[in-house]
Protein backbone atom coordinates (compact mmCIF):
# COMPACT_ATOMS: atom_id res chain seq x y z
CA GLY A 1 0.00 0.00 0.00
CA VAL A 2 0.99 3.63 -0.41
CA GLY A 3 0.74 5.63 2.80
CA GLN A 4 2.03 9.01 3.84
CA ASP A 5 5.38 7.61 4.98
CA GLU A 6 6.06 6.09 1.57
CA VAL A 7 5.13 9.31 -0.23
CA ASP A 8 7.44 11.34 2.02
CA ILE A 9 10.43 9.01 1.66
CA VAL A 10 10.26 9.34 -2.11
CA ARG A 11 11.86 12.77 -1.72
CA LEU A 12 15.12 11.07 -0.79
CA ALA A 13 15.10 8.69 -3.75
CA ASP A 14 16.31 9.38 -7.30
CA ILE A 15 14.10 6.67 -8.80
CA THR A 16 10.95 5.23 -7.26
CA VAL A 17 9.65 1.75 -8.08
CA VAL A 18 6.10 0.92 -6.98
CA ILE A 19 5.41 -2.79 -6.62
CA LEU A 20 1.89 -4.16 -6.99
CA VAL A 21 0.56 -7.71 -6.93
CA PRO A 22 -2.44 -9.45 -8.47
CA GLY A 23 -5.53 -9.71 -6.33
CA MET A 24 -5.62 -6.04 -5.41
CA GLY A 25 -8.67 -5.44 -7.57
CA ASP A 26 -10.21 -2.07 -6.79
CA ASP A 27 -7.36 -1.32 -4.38
CA VAL A 28 -5.43 0.12 -7.33
CA GLN A 29 -8.19 2.67 -7.75
CA THR A 30 -8.14 3.40 -4.03
CA ILE A 31 -4.44 4.29 -3.94
CA LYS A 32 -4.17 5.79 -7.40
CA ALA A 33 -3.42 9.32 -6.18
CA GLY A 34 -0.30 8.20 -4.33
CA ILE A 35 0.84 5.90 -7.10
CA MET A 36 0.38 8.39 -9.91
CA GLU A 37 2.41 10.95 -7.99
CA ILE A 38 5.39 8.86 -6.91
CA ALA A 39 5.89 5.96 -9.34
CA ASP A 40 8.70 6.18 -11.91
CA ILE A 41 8.40 2.48 -12.68
CA PHE A 42 5.57 0.04 -11.95
CA VAL A 43 6.32 -3.57 -11.10
CA ILE A 44 3.65 -6.25 -11.05
CA ASN A 45 5.20 -9.00 -8.96
CA LYS A 46 3.79 -12.54 -8.77
CA SER A 47 2.76 -11.93 -12.36
CA ASP A 48 2.33 -15.67 -12.89
CA ARG A 49 -0.84 -15.51 -10.83
CA ASP A 50 -4.35 -14.84 -12.09
CA GLY A 51 -5.24 -11.17 -12.13
CA ALA A 52 -1.86 -9.83 -13.30
CA GLU A 53 -3.36 -8.68 -16.59
CA ARG A 54 -6.14 -6.88 -14.74
CA VAL A 55 -3.63 -4.98 -12.60
CA GLU A 56 -1.78 -3.92 -15.74
CA ARG A 57 -5.01 -2.69 -17.34
CA GLU A 58 -5.84 -0.72 -14.19
CA ILE A 59 -2.44 0.98 -14.24
CA ARG A 60 -2.66 1.87 -17.93
CA ALA A 61 -6.15 3.24 -17.43
CA LEU A 62 -4.91 5.47 -14.65
CA GLN A 63 -1.93 6.62 -16.73
CA SER A 64 -4.29 7.76 -19.46
CA LEU A 65 -5.96 10.13 -17.01
CA ALA A 66 -2.86 12.09 -16.05
CA VAL A 67 0.30 13.43 -17.67
CA ARG A 68 3.41 13.89 -15.56
CA SER A 69 5.15 17.26 -15.54
CA ASP A 70 8.37 15.63 -16.83
CA SER A 71 6.47 13.91 -19.70
CA TRP A 72 7.72 10.49 -18.55
CA THR A 73 5.34 7.55 -18.78
CA PRO A 74 6.28 4.98 -16.12
CA PRO A 75 6.82 1.56 -17.73
CA ILE A 76 5.12 -1.54 -16.34
CA VAL A 77 7.42 -4.50 -15.66
CA LYS A 78 6.16 -7.98 -14.73
CA THR A 79 8.25 -10.03 -12.36
CA VAL A 80 8.18 -13.29 -10.41
CA ALA A 81 10.55 -12.76 -7.51
CA SER A 82 10.60 -16.42 -6.49
CA ASP A 83 12.37 -17.48 -9.72
CA GLY A 84 13.89 -14.15 -10.83
CA ALA A 85 11.68 -13.71 -13.89
CA GLY A 86 11.57 -10.11 -15.07
CA VAL A 87 14.35 -8.88 -12.77
CA ALA A 88 16.69 -8.20 -15.70
CA GLU A 89 13.91 -6.24 -17.43
CA LEU A 90 13.39 -4.23 -14.24
CA ALA A 91 17.12 -3.40 -14.05
CA GLU A 92 16.99 -2.28 -17.68
CA ALA A 93 13.94 -0.09 -17.02
CA ILE A 94 15.79 1.59 -14.15
CA GLU A 95 18.78 2.25 -16.41
CA VAL A 96 16.54 3.71 -19.12
CA TYR A 97 14.89 6.10 -16.68
CA GLU A 98 18.25 7.04 -15.19
CA LYS A 99 19.48 7.94 -18.69
CA TYR A 100 16.27 9.88 -19.35
CA LEU A 101 16.85 11.94 -16.19
CA LYS A 102 20.39 12.71 -17.29
CA ASP A 103 19.52 13.53 -20.92
CA GLU A 104 16.65 15.81 -19.92
CA ASN A 105 18.62 17.35 -17.03
CA LEU A 106 15.82 16.31 -14.67
CA ALA A 107 17.85 14.77 -11.85
CA LEU A 108 18.93 18.15 -10.47
CA LYS A 109 15.46 19.62 -11.03
CA HIS A 110 13.92 16.78 -9.02
CA LYS A 111 16.37 17.32 -6.19
CA VAL A 112 15.71 21.08 -6.21
CA GLN A 113 11.94 20.48 -6.06
CA ASN A 114 12.37 17.93 -3.29
CA TRP A 115 14.46 20.36 -1.25
CA GLU A 116 11.96 23.15 -1.82
CA ASP A 117 9.26 20.93 -0.36
CA ARG A 118 11.50 19.84 2.50
CA LEU A 119 12.52 23.43 3.32
CA VAL A 120 8.86 24.43 3.48
CA GLU A 121 8.27 21.61 5.96
CA MET A 122 11.32 22.59 8.01
CA LEU A 123 10.22 26.23 8.08
CA ARG A 124 6.71 25.21 9.10
CA GLU A 125 8.07 23.12 11.95
CA ALA A 126 10.50 25.83 13.08
CA LEU A 127 7.86 28.57 12.98
CA LEU A 128 5.41 26.42 14.93
CA GLU A 129 8.06 25.66 17.55
CA ASN A 130 8.98 29.34 17.76
CA ALA A 131 5.36 30.40 18.14
CA ARG A 132 4.71 27.87 20.88
CA GLU A 133 7.80 29.02 22.76
CA ARG A 134 6.43 32.57 22.77
CA ILE A 135 2.90 31.61 23.78
CA SER A 136 2.38 30.15 27.22
CA ASP A 137 -0.39 27.65 27.89
CA GLU A 138 -2.13 30.35 29.92
CA LYS A 139 -2.05 32.80 27.03
CA LEU A 140 -3.18 30.12 24.60
CA SER A 141 -6.17 29.38 26.85
CA ARG A 142 -6.98 33.09 27.04
CA TYR A 143 -6.87 33.38 23.24
CA ALA A 144 -9.18 30.38 22.94
CA LEU A 145 -11.60 31.93 25.43
CA GLU A 146 -11.64 35.23 23.53
CA ILE A 147 -12.42 33.38 20.31
CA ALA A 148 -15.12 31.26 21.95
CA GLU A 149 -16.74 34.41 23.37
CA HIS A 150 -16.60 36.05 19.91
CA LYS A 151 -14.35 38.84 21.17
CA ARG A 152 -11.91 38.24 18.33
CA ASP A 153 -11.57 36.08 15.25
CA PRO A 154 -8.98 33.28 14.95
CA TYR A 155 -7.69 34.41 11.55
CA THR A 156 -6.62 37.85 12.73
CA LEU A 157 -5.14 36.28 15.86
CA VAL A 158 -2.98 33.92 13.81
CA GLU A 159 -1.83 36.84 11.64
CA GLU A 160 -0.95 38.76 14.78
CA ILE A 161 1.04 35.86 16.26
CA THR A 162 2.88 35.00 13.06
CA GLY A 163 3.46 38.60 12.03
CA LYS A 164 1.67 38.15 8.71
CA PRO A 165 -1.15 40.61 7.93
CA GLY A 166 -3.07 38.42 5.47
CA GLN A 167 -0.67 38.68 2.56
CA ALA A 168 2.43 37.05 1.15
CA GLY A 169 5.69 38.02 2.72
CA ALA A 170 6.60 38.10 6.39
CA THR A 171 5.57 41.57 7.47
CA PRO A 172 5.05 42.37 11.16
CA ALA A 173 1.42 42.39 12.25
CA VAL A 174 2.00 45.77 13.91
CA THR A 175 3.72 48.29 11.65
CA LEU A 176 4.54 51.97 11.64
CA ASP A 177 1.70 53.77 9.88
CA HIS A 178 2.86 57.39 10.15
CA LEU A 179 4.44 60.12 12.22
CA GLY A 180 2.11 63.02 13.04
CA ILE A 181 3.77 66.42 12.83
CA ALA A 182 2.06 69.60 14.09
CA VAL A 183 2.68 72.61 11.82
CA GLU A 184 1.47 76.18 11.75
CA SER A 185 1.05 76.20 7.97
CA LEU A 186 0.60 73.26 5.64
CA ALA A 187 1.51 75.45 2.67
CA ILE A 188 4.90 76.21 4.16
CA ALA A 189 5.61 72.86 5.80
CA ARG A 190 4.88 70.76 2.73
CA GLY A 191 7.45 72.69 0.68
CA ILE A 192 10.53 70.92 2.08
CA TYR A 193 9.12 67.49 1.27
CA GLN A 194 8.17 68.50 -2.24
CA LYS A 195 11.68 69.85 -2.78
CA LEU A 196 12.98 66.43 -1.75
CA GLY A 197 10.94 64.91 -4.56
CA LEU A 198 8.29 63.35 -2.35
CA ASN A 199 4.61 63.27 -3.26
CA VAL A 200 2.28 65.19 -0.99
CA SER A 201 -1.42 64.34 -0.86
CA PRO A 202 -4.17 66.97 -1.24
CA GLU A 203 -5.33 68.62 1.97
CA GLU A 204 -8.10 66.84 3.83
CA PRO A 205 -10.13 68.24 6.74
CA VAL A 206 -10.76 66.16 9.85
CA GLU A 207 -13.66 67.93 11.49
CA GLY A 208 -13.60 65.86 14.67
CA GLU A 209 -10.04 66.95 15.46
CA GLN A 210 -10.39 70.47 14.00
CA VAL A 211 -7.41 70.08 11.70
CA ARG A 212 -6.42 69.90 8.06
CA VAL A 213 -3.91 67.22 7.10
CA VAL A 214 -1.71 66.13 4.20
CA MET A 215 0.07 62.80 3.91
CA VAL A 216 3.63 62.33 2.66
CA PRO A 217 4.27 58.65 1.77
CA ILE A 218 7.82 57.46 2.50
CA GLY A 219 8.43 53.78 1.76
CA GLN A 220 5.90 51.70 3.66
CA SER A 221 5.14 54.53 6.12
CA ARG A 222 4.02 58.16 5.94
CA LEU A 223 4.36 61.58 7.48
CA GLU A 224 1.12 63.28 8.50
CA LEU A 225 1.29 67.09 8.61
CA LEU A 226 -1.44 68.62 10.78
CA GLU A 227 -2.58 72.25 10.74
CA ALA A 228 -5.15 73.49 13.27
CA THR A 229 -8.41 74.95 11.97
CA SER A 230 -9.44 76.27 15.38
CA GLU A 231 -7.65 77.80 18.34
CA ASN A 232 -9.40 75.23 20.51
CA SER A 233 -8.04 72.21 18.63
CA VAL A 234 -5.53 69.89 20.23
CA ILE A 235 -2.95 70.76 17.57
CA ALA A 236 -3.32 74.51 18.19
CA LYS A 237 -2.84 74.02 21.94
CA PHE A 238 0.13 71.73 21.29
CA ILE A 239 1.86 74.36 19.15
CA GLN A 240 1.10 77.11 21.67
CA LYS A 241 2.76 75.06 24.40
CA ARG A 242 5.60 73.32 22.59
CA GLY A 243 5.84 74.82 19.12
CA GLU A 244 5.84 72.92 15.85
CA GLY A 245 7.14 69.37 15.86
CA LEU A 246 6.43 65.70 16.34
CA HIS A 247 2.95 65.32 17.83
CA HIS A 248 2.33 61.57 17.78
CA ILE A 249 3.47 58.19 16.52
CA SER A 250 0.90 56.06 14.72
CA LEU A 251 1.01 52.26 14.59
CA ARG A 252 -1.11 50.15 12.27
CA VAL A 253 -2.68 47.16 14.03
CA PRO A 254 -5.10 44.40 13.00
CA ASP A 255 -8.38 44.06 14.91
CA LEU A 256 -8.39 47.47 16.59
CA ALA A 257 -11.34 46.59 18.82
CA GLY A 258 -9.55 43.48 20.06
CA VAL A 259 -6.37 45.47 20.74
CA ILE A 260 -8.32 48.08 22.71
CA GLU A 261 -9.96 45.39 24.82
CA ARG A 262 -6.62 43.77 25.63
CA LEU A 263 -4.98 47.09 26.51
CA LYS A 264 -7.84 48.04 28.80
CA ASN A 265 -7.69 44.65 30.51
CA ASP A 266 -3.96 45.18 31.06
CA GLY A 267 -4.53 48.60 32.63
CA VAL A 268 -3.23 50.69 29.73
CA ARG A 269 -4.64 54.22 29.80
CA LEU A 270 -6.36 55.44 26.63
CA VAL A 271 -7.17 59.05 25.79
CA SER A 272 -10.55 57.64 24.83
CA SER A 273 -11.71 54.10 24.13
CA GLU A 274 -14.10 55.44 21.47
CA ILE A 275 -12.94 54.50 17.99
CA LYS A 276 -12.90 57.60 15.78
CA THR A 277 -12.61 58.07 12.03
CA GLY A 278 -9.77 60.19 10.67
CA ALA A 279 -8.14 61.17 7.39
CA GLY A 280 -8.68 58.66 4.62
CA GLY A 281 -11.46 57.03 6.61
CA HIS A 282 -9.09 55.15 8.91
CA ARG A 283 -10.29 54.18 12.39
CA TYR A 284 -8.11 55.11 15.33
CA VAL A 285 -7.69 55.61 19.07
CA PHE A 286 -4.95 57.28 21.12
CA VAL A 287 -2.96 55.73 23.96
CA HIS A 288 -2.25 58.28 26.69
CA PRO A 289 1.42 59.37 26.97
CA SER A 290 1.45 58.21 30.60
CA SER A 291 1.17 54.62 29.36
CA ALA A 292 3.54 55.01 26.39
CA GLY A 293 6.72 56.49 27.82
CA GLY A 294 5.64 60.09 27.38
CA VAL A 295 4.71 59.61 23.71
CA LEU A 296 1.21 60.14 22.33
CA LEU A 297 0.59 56.84 20.56
CA GLU A 298 -2.09 56.48 17.90
CA LEU A 299 -3.37 53.04 16.91
CA VAL A 300 -4.80 52.82 13.40
CA GLU A 301 -6.73 49.80 12.16
CA GLY A 302 -5.92 47.78 9.09
CA LYS A 303 -3.58 48.20 6.18
CA GLN A 304 -2.57 51.41 4.51
């Protein structure tokens, strides 16, 4: 029979011979997926018994349903191991396939493909071990409870743990979204960035914060320039007290509601737990400087 162990061990072999015997009947159909994937040569042993021809027909029927990527059609060799019949033909079939691999430069390609598969397995095992080392049983139970109580979804949680925000490439789950800079005049402040050849977005009002903003994309992050539209706005008061400069740091996080809940449970102070909508329609909250080392920290949901 062809089980998972046999399929895996094929990756270490240059040539794979699958041996079948008469009397299998429909069993050939049952294991056809494994056979069609791993067999380079088929051997029907005990071919002097009734049913050998049927096994051969079954194999040929299956071969007609699939074409291998290397265009090789595995030959079928009949043997009788007890008296050595067909062994010479089997040796010849192995030599023919070995020559085919060499002539078509397939041996190295097979090894490369096998190692690609093996490396993926090794990475999967290493990442799983690394993740489990960082997650205690207590934390794992807490995550499971939060999922069971519908406080968060498992997909976002896995992305958060693995540092993969739902897309190819290993990107941290929490990334720098932008730096917020308070300025007295957007018209003046944007000039230096334009002179550096950077693109500056059109101005956009954020009524809730009484400011106008422009965004300056830089790589995967951005600068956010904020100009007050009212003397009572937070930005106006900031400039009056400290002058122009860095106002806040913004981090992009998945599942903002879930993050807020965890921070509150851990005693982190928020400016407000109400999720607001800012420039570009992004949802955000602010962490109070007293809980962030004296820095006003903004948490923005989702991807840029």
